[in-house]
mmCIF file of all heavy atoms, coordinates in Angstrom:
data_MODEL
# 
_entry.id   MODEL 
# 
loop_
_atom_site.group_PDB 
_atom_site.id 
_atom_site.type_symbol 
_atom_site.label_atom_id 
_atom_site.label_alt_id 
_atom_site.label_comp_id 
_atom_site.label_asym_id 
_atom_site.label_entity_id 
_atom_site.label_seq_id 
_atom_site.pdbx_PDB_ins_code 
_atom_site.Cartn_x 
_atom_site.Cartn_y 
_atom_site.Cartn_z 
_atom_site.occupancy 
_atom_site.B_iso_or_equiv 
_atom_site.pdbx_formal_charge 
_atom_site.auth_seq_id 
_atom_site.auth_comp_id 
_atom_site.auth_asym_id 
_atom_site.auth_atom_id 
_atom_site.pdbx_PDB_model_num 
ATOM 1   N N   . ALA A 1 1  ? 309.883 102.874 137.497 1.00 0.00 ? 1  ALA A N   1 
ATOM 2   C CA  . ALA A 1 1  ? 310.287 101.799 138.410 1.00 0.00 ? 1  ALA A CA  1 
ATOM 3   C C   . ALA A 1 1  ? 309.273 101.631 139.534 1.00 0.00 ? 1  ALA A C   1 
ATOM 4   O O   . ALA A 1 1  ? 308.933 100.504 139.925 1.00 0.00 ? 1  ALA A O   1 
ATOM 5   C CB  . ALA A 1 1  ? 311.668 102.103 138.983 1.00 0.00 ? 1  ALA A CB  1 
ATOM 6   N N   . PHE A 1 2  ? 308.779 102.749 140.033 1.00 0.00 ? 2  PHE A N   1 
ATOM 7   C CA  . PHE A 1 2  ? 307.784 102.650 141.113 1.00 0.00 ? 2  PHE A CA  1 
ATOM 8   C C   . PHE A 1 2  ? 306.514 101.956 140.625 1.00 0.00 ? 2  PHE A C   1 
ATOM 9   O O   . PHE A 1 2  ? 306.010 101.033 141.271 1.00 0.00 ? 2  PHE A O   1 
ATOM 10  C CB  . PHE A 1 2  ? 307.443 104.032 141.656 1.00 0.00 ? 2  PHE A CB  1 
ATOM 11  C CG  . PHE A 1 2  ? 306.300 104.000 142.643 1.00 0.00 ? 2  PHE A CG  1 
ATOM 12  C CD1 . PHE A 1 2  ? 306.506 103.601 143.945 1.00 0.00 ? 2  PHE A CD1 1 
ATOM 13  C CD2 . PHE A 1 2  ? 305.005 104.321 142.243 1.00 0.00 ? 2  PHE A CD2 1 
ATOM 14  C CE1 . PHE A 1 2  ? 305.453 103.528 144.850 1.00 0.00 ? 2  PHE A CE1 1 
ATOM 15  C CE2 . PHE A 1 2  ? 303.946 104.254 143.132 1.00 0.00 ? 2  PHE A CE2 1 
ATOM 16  C CZ  . PHE A 1 2  ? 304.176 103.856 144.438 1.00 0.00 ? 2  PHE A CZ  1 
ATOM 17  N N   . PHE A 1 3  ? 305.983 102.411 139.505 1.00 0.00 ? 3  PHE A N   1 
ATOM 18  C CA  . PHE A 1 3  ? 304.712 101.843 139.037 1.00 0.00 ? 3  PHE A CA  1 
ATOM 19  C C   . PHE A 1 3  ? 304.859 100.407 138.532 1.00 0.00 ? 3  PHE A C   1 
ATOM 20  O O   . PHE A 1 3  ? 303.870 99.687  138.433 1.00 0.00 ? 3  PHE A O   1 
ATOM 21  C CB  . PHE A 1 3  ? 304.100 102.755 137.975 1.00 0.00 ? 3  PHE A CB  1 
ATOM 22  C CG  . PHE A 1 3  ? 303.542 104.024 138.535 1.00 0.00 ? 3  PHE A CG  1 
ATOM 23  C CD1 . PHE A 1 3  ? 304.137 105.259 138.243 1.00 0.00 ? 3  PHE A CD1 1 
ATOM 24  C CD2 . PHE A 1 3  ? 302.446 104.014 139.378 1.00 0.00 ? 3  PHE A CD2 1 
ATOM 25  C CE1 . PHE A 1 3  ? 303.641 106.435 138.774 1.00 0.00 ? 3  PHE A CE1 1 
ATOM 26  C CE2 . PHE A 1 3  ? 301.938 105.190 139.925 1.00 0.00 ? 3  PHE A CE2 1 
ATOM 27  C CZ  . PHE A 1 3  ? 302.542 106.400 139.618 1.00 0.00 ? 3  PHE A CZ  1 
ATOM 28  N N   . ALA A 1 4  ? 306.102 100.013 138.257 1.00 0.00 ? 4  ALA A N   1 
ATOM 29  C CA  . ALA A 1 4  ? 306.344 98.622  137.863 1.00 0.00 ? 4  ALA A CA  1 
ATOM 30  C C   . ALA A 1 4  ? 306.516 97.705  139.070 1.00 0.00 ? 4  ALA A C   1 
ATOM 31  O O   . ALA A 1 4  ? 306.537 96.477  138.918 1.00 0.00 ? 4  ALA A O   1 
ATOM 32  C CB  . ALA A 1 4  ? 307.584 98.541  136.980 1.00 0.00 ? 4  ALA A CB  1 
ATOM 33  N N   . SER A 1 5  ? 306.638 98.283  140.260 1.00 0.00 ? 5  SER A N   1 
ATOM 34  C CA  . SER A 1 5  ? 306.845 97.475  141.461 1.00 0.00 ? 5  SER A CA  1 
ATOM 35  C C   . SER A 1 5  ? 305.558 96.767  141.866 1.00 0.00 ? 5  SER A C   1 
ATOM 36  O O   . SER A 1 5  ? 304.456 97.142  141.461 1.00 0.00 ? 5  SER A O   1 
ATOM 37  C CB  . SER A 1 5  ? 307.347 98.350  142.612 1.00 0.00 ? 5  SER A CB  1 
ATOM 38  O OG  . SER A 1 5  ? 306.364 99.292  142.997 1.00 0.00 ? 5  SER A OG  1 
ATOM 39  N N   . SER A 1 6  ? 305.708 95.756  142.699 1.00 0.00 ? 6  SER A N   1 
ATOM 40  C CA  . SER A 1 6  ? 304.552 94.966  143.130 1.00 0.00 ? 6  SER A CA  1 
ATOM 41  C C   . SER A 1 6  ? 303.790 95.664  144.243 1.00 0.00 ? 6  SER A C   1 
ATOM 42  O O   . SER A 1 6  ? 304.303 96.589  144.894 1.00 0.00 ? 6  SER A O   1 
ATOM 43  C CB  . SER A 1 6  ? 305.019 93.603  143.632 1.00 0.00 ? 6  SER A CB  1 
ATOM 44  O OG  . SER A 1 6  ? 305.749 93.744  144.847 1.00 0.00 ? 6  SER A OG  1 
ATOM 45  N N   . ILE A 1 7  ? 302.567 95.211  144.474 1.00 0.00 ? 7  ILE A N   1 
ATOM 46  C CA  . ILE A 1 7  ? 301.770 95.745  145.576 1.00 0.00 ? 7  ILE A CA  1 
ATOM 47  C C   . ILE A 1 7  ? 302.496 95.529  146.897 1.00 0.00 ? 7  ILE A C   1 
ATOM 48  O O   . ILE A 1 7  ? 302.513 96.404  147.770 1.00 0.00 ? 7  ILE A O   1 
ATOM 49  C CB  . ILE A 1 7  ? 300.379 95.065  145.616 1.00 0.00 ? 7  ILE A CB  1 
ATOM 50  C CG1 . ILE A 1 7  ? 299.578 95.440  144.370 1.00 0.00 ? 7  ILE A CG1 1 
ATOM 51  C CG2 . ILE A 1 7  ? 299.618 95.473  146.875 1.00 0.00 ? 7  ILE A CG2 1 
ATOM 52  C CD1 . ILE A 1 7  ? 299.265 96.913  144.241 1.00 0.00 ? 7  ILE A CD1 1 
ATOM 53  N N   . GLY A 1 8  ? 303.139 94.378  147.050 1.00 0.00 ? 8  GLY A N   1 
ATOM 54  C CA  . GLY A 1 8  ? 303.875 94.099  148.281 1.00 0.00 ? 8  GLY A CA  1 
ATOM 55  C C   . GLY A 1 8  ? 305.022 95.064  148.502 1.00 0.00 ? 8  GLY A C   1 
ATOM 56  O O   . GLY A 1 8  ? 305.259 95.517  149.625 1.00 0.00 ? 8  GLY A O   1 
ATOM 57  N N   . GLU A 1 9  ? 305.739 95.384  147.421 1.00 0.00 ? 9  GLU A N   1 
ATOM 58  C CA  . GLU A 1 9  ? 306.842 96.336  147.543 1.00 0.00 ? 9  GLU A CA  1 
ATOM 59  C C   . GLU A 1 9  ? 306.329 97.714  147.930 1.00 0.00 ? 9  GLU A C   1 
ATOM 60  O O   . GLU A 1 9  ? 306.919 98.406  148.774 1.00 0.00 ? 9  GLU A O   1 
ATOM 61  C CB  . GLU A 1 9  ? 307.604 96.402  146.217 1.00 0.00 ? 9  GLU A CB  1 
ATOM 62  C CG  . GLU A 1 9  ? 308.419 95.146  145.923 1.00 0.00 ? 9  GLU A CG  1 
ATOM 63  C CD  . GLU A 1 9  ? 308.980 95.138  144.512 1.00 0.00 ? 9  GLU A CD  1 
ATOM 64  O OE1 . GLU A 1 9  ? 308.273 95.582  143.574 1.00 0.00 ? 9  GLU A OE1 1 
ATOM 65  O OE2 . GLU A 1 9  ? 310.118 94.683  144.351 1.00 0.00 ? 9  GLU A OE2 1 
ATOM 66  N N   . ARG A 1 10 ? 305.223 98.118  147.355 1.00 0.00 ? 10 ARG A N   1 
ATOM 67  C CA  . ARG A 1 10 ? 304.652 99.431  147.701 1.00 0.00 ? 10 ARG A CA  1 
ATOM 68  C C   . ARG A 1 10 ? 304.135 99.434  149.137 1.00 0.00 ? 10 ARG A C   1 
ATOM 69  O O   . ARG A 1 10 ? 304.206 100.447 149.838 1.00 0.00 ? 10 ARG A O   1 
ATOM 70  C CB  . ARG A 1 10 ? 303.523 99.783  146.731 1.00 0.00 ? 10 ARG A CB  1 
ATOM 71  C CG  . ARG A 1 10 ? 304.004 99.956  145.307 1.00 0.00 ? 10 ARG A CG  1 
ATOM 72  C CD  . ARG A 1 10 ? 302.889 100.456 144.426 1.00 0.00 ? 10 ARG A CD  1 
ATOM 73  N NE  . ARG A 1 10 ? 303.063 100.037 143.056 1.00 0.00 ? 10 ARG A NE  1 
ATOM 74  C CZ  . ARG A 1 10 ? 302.211 100.297 142.086 1.00 0.00 ? 10 ARG A CZ  1 
ATOM 75  N NH1 . ARG A 1 10 ? 301.101 100.979 142.348 1.00 0.00 ? 10 ARG A NH1 1 
ATOM 76  N NH2 . ARG A 1 10 ? 302.448 99.895  140.851 1.00 0.00 ? 10 ARG A NH2 1 
ATOM 77  N N   . GLU A 1 11 ? 303.600 98.295  149.580 1.00 0.00 ? 11 GLU A N   1 
ATOM 78  C CA  . GLU A 1 11 ? 303.128 98.184  150.959 1.00 0.00 ? 11 GLU A CA  1 
ATOM 79  C C   . GLU A 1 11 ? 304.286 98.381  151.933 1.00 0.00 ? 11 GLU A C   1 
ATOM 80  O O   . GLU A 1 11 ? 304.151 99.046  152.963 1.00 0.00 ? 11 GLU A O   1 
ATOM 81  C CB  . GLU A 1 11 ? 302.487 96.806  151.177 1.00 0.00 ? 11 GLU A CB  1 
ATOM 82  C CG  . GLU A 1 11 ? 301.618 96.709  152.418 1.00 0.00 ? 11 GLU A CG  1 
ATOM 83  C CD  . GLU A 1 11 ? 300.304 97.468  152.258 1.00 0.00 ? 11 GLU A CD  1 
ATOM 84  O OE1 . GLU A 1 11 ? 299.575 97.236  151.286 1.00 0.00 ? 11 GLU A OE1 1 
ATOM 85  O OE2 . GLU A 1 11 ? 300.037 98.315  153.141 1.00 0.00 ? 11 GLU A OE2 1 
ATOM 86  N N   . THR A 1 12 ? 305.437 97.822  151.590 1.00 0.00 ? 12 THR A N   1 
ATOM 87  C CA  . THR A 1 12 ? 306.625 97.986  152.427 1.00 0.00 ? 12 THR A CA  1 
ATOM 88  C C   . THR A 1 12 ? 307.036 99.454  152.502 1.00 0.00 ? 12 THR A C   1 
ATOM 89  O O   . THR A 1 12 ? 307.377 99.970  153.579 1.00 0.00 ? 12 THR A O   1 
ATOM 90  C CB  . THR A 1 12 ? 307.789 97.139  151.877 1.00 0.00 ? 12 THR A CB  1 
ATOM 91  O OG1 . THR A 1 12 ? 307.417 95.760  151.913 1.00 0.00 ? 12 THR A OG1 1 
ATOM 92  C CG2 . THR A 1 12 ? 309.054 97.343  152.700 1.00 0.00 ? 12 THR A CG2 1 
ATOM 93  N N   . LEU A 1 13 ? 307.021 100.143 151.361 1.00 0.00 ? 13 LEU A N   1 
ATOM 94  C CA  . LEU A 1 13 ? 307.355 101.570 151.336 1.00 0.00 ? 13 LEU A CA  1 
ATOM 95  C C   . LEU A 1 13 ? 306.358 102.370 152.168 1.00 0.00 ? 13 LEU A C   1 
ATOM 96  O O   . LEU A 1 13 ? 306.745 103.270 152.927 1.00 0.00 ? 13 LEU A O   1 
ATOM 97  C CB  . LEU A 1 13 ? 307.372 102.084 149.899 1.00 0.00 ? 13 LEU A CB  1 
ATOM 98  C CG  . LEU A 1 13 ? 308.439 101.524 148.961 1.00 0.00 ? 13 LEU A CG  1 
ATOM 99  C CD1 . LEU A 1 13 ? 308.228 102.061 147.546 1.00 0.00 ? 13 LEU A CD1 1 
ATOM 100 C CD2 . LEU A 1 13 ? 309.833 101.867 149.455 1.00 0.00 ? 13 LEU A CD2 1 
ATOM 101 N N   . GLY A 1 14 ? 305.060 102.062 152.035 1.00 0.00 ? 14 GLY A N   1 
ATOM 102 C CA  . GLY A 1 14 ? 304.042 102.777 152.780 1.00 0.00 ? 14 GLY A CA  1 
ATOM 103 C C   . GLY A 1 14 ? 304.170 102.558 154.281 1.00 0.00 ? 14 GLY A C   1 
ATOM 104 O O   . GLY A 1 14 ? 304.003 103.496 155.077 1.00 0.00 ? 14 GLY A O   1 
ATOM 105 N N   . THR A 1 15 ? 304.462 101.335 154.678 1.00 0.00 ? 15 THR A N   1 
ATOM 106 C CA  . THR A 1 15 ? 304.637 101.038 156.102 1.00 0.00 ? 15 THR A CA  1 
ATOM 107 C C   . THR A 1 15 ? 305.831 101.796 156.674 1.00 0.00 ? 15 THR A C   1 
ATOM 108 O O   . THR A 1 15 ? 305.775 102.337 157.781 1.00 0.00 ? 15 THR A O   1 
ATOM 109 C CB  . THR A 1 15 ? 304.827 99.521  156.303 1.00 0.00 ? 15 THR A CB  1 
ATOM 110 O OG1 . THR A 1 15 ? 303.668 98.835  155.840 1.00 0.00 ? 15 THR A OG1 1 
ATOM 111 C CG2 . THR A 1 15 ? 305.064 99.187  157.771 1.00 0.00 ? 15 THR A CG2 1 
ATOM 112 N N   . ALA A 1 16 ? 306.923 101.862 155.898 1.00 0.00 ? 16 ALA A N   1 
ATOM 113 C CA  . ALA A 1 16 ? 308.104 102.606 156.335 1.00 0.00 ? 16 ALA A CA  1 
ATOM 114 C C   . ALA A 1 16 ? 307.786 104.095 156.462 1.00 0.00 ? 16 ALA A C   1 
ATOM 115 O O   . ALA A 1 16 ? 308.239 104.761 157.402 1.00 0.00 ? 16 ALA A O   1 
ATOM 116 C CB  . ALA A 1 16 ? 309.249 102.391 155.353 1.00 0.00 ? 16 ALA A CB  1 
ATOM 117 N N   . ALA A 1 17 ? 307.000 104.620 155.511 1.00 0.00 ? 17 ALA A N   1 
ATOM 118 C CA  . ALA A 1 17 ? 306.615 106.034 155.563 1.00 0.00 ? 17 ALA A CA  1 
ATOM 119 C C   . ALA A 1 17 ? 305.839 106.332 156.836 1.00 0.00 ? 17 ALA A C   1 
ATOM 120 O O   . ALA A 1 17 ? 306.112 107.301 157.551 1.00 0.00 ? 17 ALA A O   1 
ATOM 121 C CB  . ALA A 1 17 ? 305.784 106.388 154.337 1.00 0.00 ? 17 ALA A CB  1 
ATOM 122 N N   . ARG A 1 18 ? 304.846 105.508 157.116 1.00 0.00 ? 18 ARG A N   1 
ATOM 123 C CA  . ARG A 1 18 ? 304.009 105.716 158.300 1.00 0.00 ? 18 ARG A CA  1 
ATOM 124 C C   . ARG A 1 18 ? 304.831 105.611 159.593 1.00 0.00 ? 18 ARG A C   1 
ATOM 125 O O   . ARG A 1 18 ? 304.669 106.415 160.512 1.00 0.00 ? 18 ARG A O   1 
ATOM 126 C CB  . ARG A 1 18 ? 302.876 104.692 158.298 1.00 0.00 ? 18 ARG A CB  1 
ATOM 127 C CG  . ARG A 1 18 ? 301.988 104.712 159.533 1.00 0.00 ? 18 ARG A CG  1 
ATOM 128 C CD  . ARG A 1 18 ? 301.153 105.975 159.631 1.00 0.00 ? 18 ARG A CD  1 
ATOM 129 N NE  . ARG A 1 18 ? 300.433 106.010 160.892 1.00 0.00 ? 18 ARG A NE  1 
ATOM 130 C CZ  . ARG A 1 18 ? 299.568 106.949 161.255 1.00 0.00 ? 18 ARG A CZ  1 
ATOM 131 N NH1 . ARG A 1 18 ? 299.331 107.971 160.444 1.00 0.00 ? 18 ARG A NH1 1 
ATOM 132 N NH2 . ARG A 1 18 ? 298.967 106.910 162.420 1.00 0.00 ? 18 ARG A NH2 1 
ATOM 133 N N   . SER A 1 19 ? 305.742 104.663 159.669 1.00 0.00 ? 19 SER A N   1 
ATOM 134 C CA  . SER A 1 19 ? 306.581 104.500 160.861 1.00 0.00 ? 19 SER A CA  1 
ATOM 135 C C   . SER A 1 19 ? 307.463 105.725 161.074 1.00 0.00 ? 19 SER A C   1 
ATOM 136 O O   . SER A 1 19 ? 307.668 106.168 162.213 1.00 0.00 ? 19 SER A O   1 
ATOM 137 C CB  . SER A 1 19 ? 307.455 103.244 160.726 1.00 0.00 ? 19 SER A CB  1 
ATOM 138 O OG  . SER A 1 19 ? 306.654 102.077 160.672 1.00 0.00 ? 19 SER A OG  1 
ATOM 139 N N   . TYR A 1 20 ? 307.979 106.274 159.984 1.00 0.00 ? 20 TYR A N   1 
ATOM 140 C CA  . TYR A 1 20 ? 308.838 107.458 160.092 1.00 0.00 ? 20 TYR A CA  1 
ATOM 141 C C   . TYR A 1 20 ? 308.023 108.660 160.571 1.00 0.00 ? 20 TYR A C   1 
ATOM 142 O O   . TYR A 1 20 ? 308.499 109.464 161.383 1.00 0.00 ? 20 TYR A O   1 
ATOM 143 C CB  . TYR A 1 20 ? 309.486 107.741 158.739 1.00 0.00 ? 20 TYR A CB  1 
ATOM 144 C CG  . TYR A 1 20 ? 310.700 108.629 158.818 1.00 0.00 ? 20 TYR A CG  1 
ATOM 145 C CD1 . TYR A 1 20 ? 311.837 108.208 159.489 1.00 0.00 ? 20 TYR A CD1 1 
ATOM 146 C CD2 . TYR A 1 20 ? 310.709 109.871 158.216 1.00 0.00 ? 20 TYR A CD2 1 
ATOM 147 C CE1 . TYR A 1 20 ? 312.958 109.018 159.560 1.00 0.00 ? 20 TYR A CE1 1 
ATOM 148 C CE2 . TYR A 1 20 ? 311.825 110.688 158.284 1.00 0.00 ? 20 TYR A CE2 1 
ATOM 149 C CZ  . TYR A 1 20 ? 312.948 110.253 158.955 1.00 0.00 ? 20 TYR A CZ  1 
ATOM 150 O OH  . TYR A 1 20 ? 314.055 111.072 159.034 1.00 0.00 ? 20 TYR A OH  1 
ATOM 151 N N   . TYR A 1 21 ? 306.810 108.796 160.082 1.00 0.00 ? 21 TYR A N   1 
ATOM 152 C CA  . TYR A 1 21 ? 305.926 109.856 160.573 1.00 0.00 ? 21 TYR A CA  1 
ATOM 153 C C   . TYR A 1 21 ? 305.694 109.713 162.072 1.00 0.00 ? 21 TYR A C   1 
ATOM 154 O O   . TYR A 1 21 ? 305.816 110.682 162.838 1.00 0.00 ? 21 TYR A O   1 
ATOM 155 C CB  . TYR A 1 21 ? 304.577 109.819 159.837 1.00 0.00 ? 21 TYR A CB  1 
ATOM 156 C CG  . TYR A 1 21 ? 303.489 110.576 160.566 1.00 0.00 ? 21 TYR A CG  1 
ATOM 157 C CD1 . TYR A 1 21 ? 303.463 111.968 160.558 1.00 0.00 ? 21 TYR A CD1 1 
ATOM 158 C CD2 . TYR A 1 21 ? 302.513 109.900 161.304 1.00 0.00 ? 21 TYR A CD2 1 
ATOM 159 C CE1 . TYR A 1 21 ? 302.494 112.670 161.266 1.00 0.00 ? 21 TYR A CE1 1 
ATOM 160 C CE2 . TYR A 1 21 ? 301.539 110.594 162.000 1.00 0.00 ? 21 TYR A CE2 1 
ATOM 161 C CZ  . TYR A 1 21 ? 301.529 111.976 161.982 1.00 0.00 ? 21 TYR A CZ  1 
ATOM 162 O OH  . TYR A 1 21 ? 300.578 112.664 162.686 1.00 0.00 ? 21 TYR A OH  1 
ATOM 163 N N   . GLU A 1 22 ? 305.353 108.534 162.510 1.00 0.00 ? 22 GLU A N   1 
ATOM 164 C CA  . GLU A 1 22 ? 305.021 108.315 163.919 1.00 0.00 ? 22 GLU A CA  1 
ATOM 165 C C   . GLU A 1 22 ? 306.202 108.616 164.837 1.00 0.00 ? 22 GLU A C   1 
ATOM 166 O O   . GLU A 1 22 ? 306.016 109.045 165.978 1.00 0.00 ? 22 GLU A O   1 
ATOM 167 C CB  . GLU A 1 22 ? 304.547 106.878 164.124 1.00 0.00 ? 22 GLU A CB  1 
ATOM 168 C CG  . GLU A 1 22 ? 303.180 106.601 163.490 1.00 0.00 ? 22 GLU A CG  1 
ATOM 169 C CD  . GLU A 1 22 ? 302.773 105.141 163.559 1.00 0.00 ? 22 GLU A CD  1 
ATOM 170 O OE1 . GLU A 1 22 ? 303.645 104.302 163.900 1.00 0.00 ? 22 GLU A OE1 1 
ATOM 171 O OE2 . GLU A 1 22 ? 301.594 104.835 163.273 1.00 0.00 ? 22 GLU A OE2 1 
ATOM 172 N N   . ALA A 1 23 ? 307.409 108.420 164.337 1.00 0.00 ? 23 ALA A N   1 
ATOM 173 C CA  . ALA A 1 23 ? 308.597 108.652 165.150 1.00 0.00 ? 23 ALA A CA  1 
ATOM 174 C C   . ALA A 1 23 ? 309.018 110.119 165.195 1.00 0.00 ? 23 ALA A C   1 
ATOM 175 O O   . ALA A 1 23 ? 309.698 110.538 166.149 1.00 0.00 ? 23 ALA A O   1 
ATOM 176 C CB  . ALA A 1 23 ? 309.756 107.813 164.628 1.00 0.00 ? 23 ALA A CB  1 
ATOM 177 N N   . ASN A 1 24 ? 308.623 110.912 164.200 1.00 0.00 ? 24 ASN A N   1 
ATOM 178 C CA  . ASN A 1 24 ? 309.204 112.255 164.079 1.00 0.00 ? 24 ASN A CA  1 
ATOM 179 C C   . ASN A 1 24 ? 308.237 113.416 163.922 1.00 0.00 ? 24 ASN A C   1 
ATOM 180 O O   . ASN A 1 24 ? 308.582 114.554 164.266 1.00 0.00 ? 24 ASN A O   1 
ATOM 181 C CB  . ASN A 1 24 ? 310.153 112.273 162.860 1.00 0.00 ? 24 ASN A CB  1 
ATOM 182 C CG  . ASN A 1 24 ? 311.321 111.351 163.013 1.00 0.00 ? 24 ASN A CG  1 
ATOM 183 O OD1 . ASN A 1 24 ? 312.296 111.658 163.694 1.00 0.00 ? 24 ASN A OD1 1 
ATOM 184 N ND2 . ASN A 1 24 ? 311.241 110.177 162.374 1.00 0.00 ? 24 ASN A ND2 1 
# 
C-alpha cells in the first residue's frame, strides 16, 4: 500500500514525520 501511494501522499507522511520530530 505504501509503495502504491502517490508522491504527494508520501510527501504528506514525510512532512508529518518531520513536524513530530521537531515537537518532541
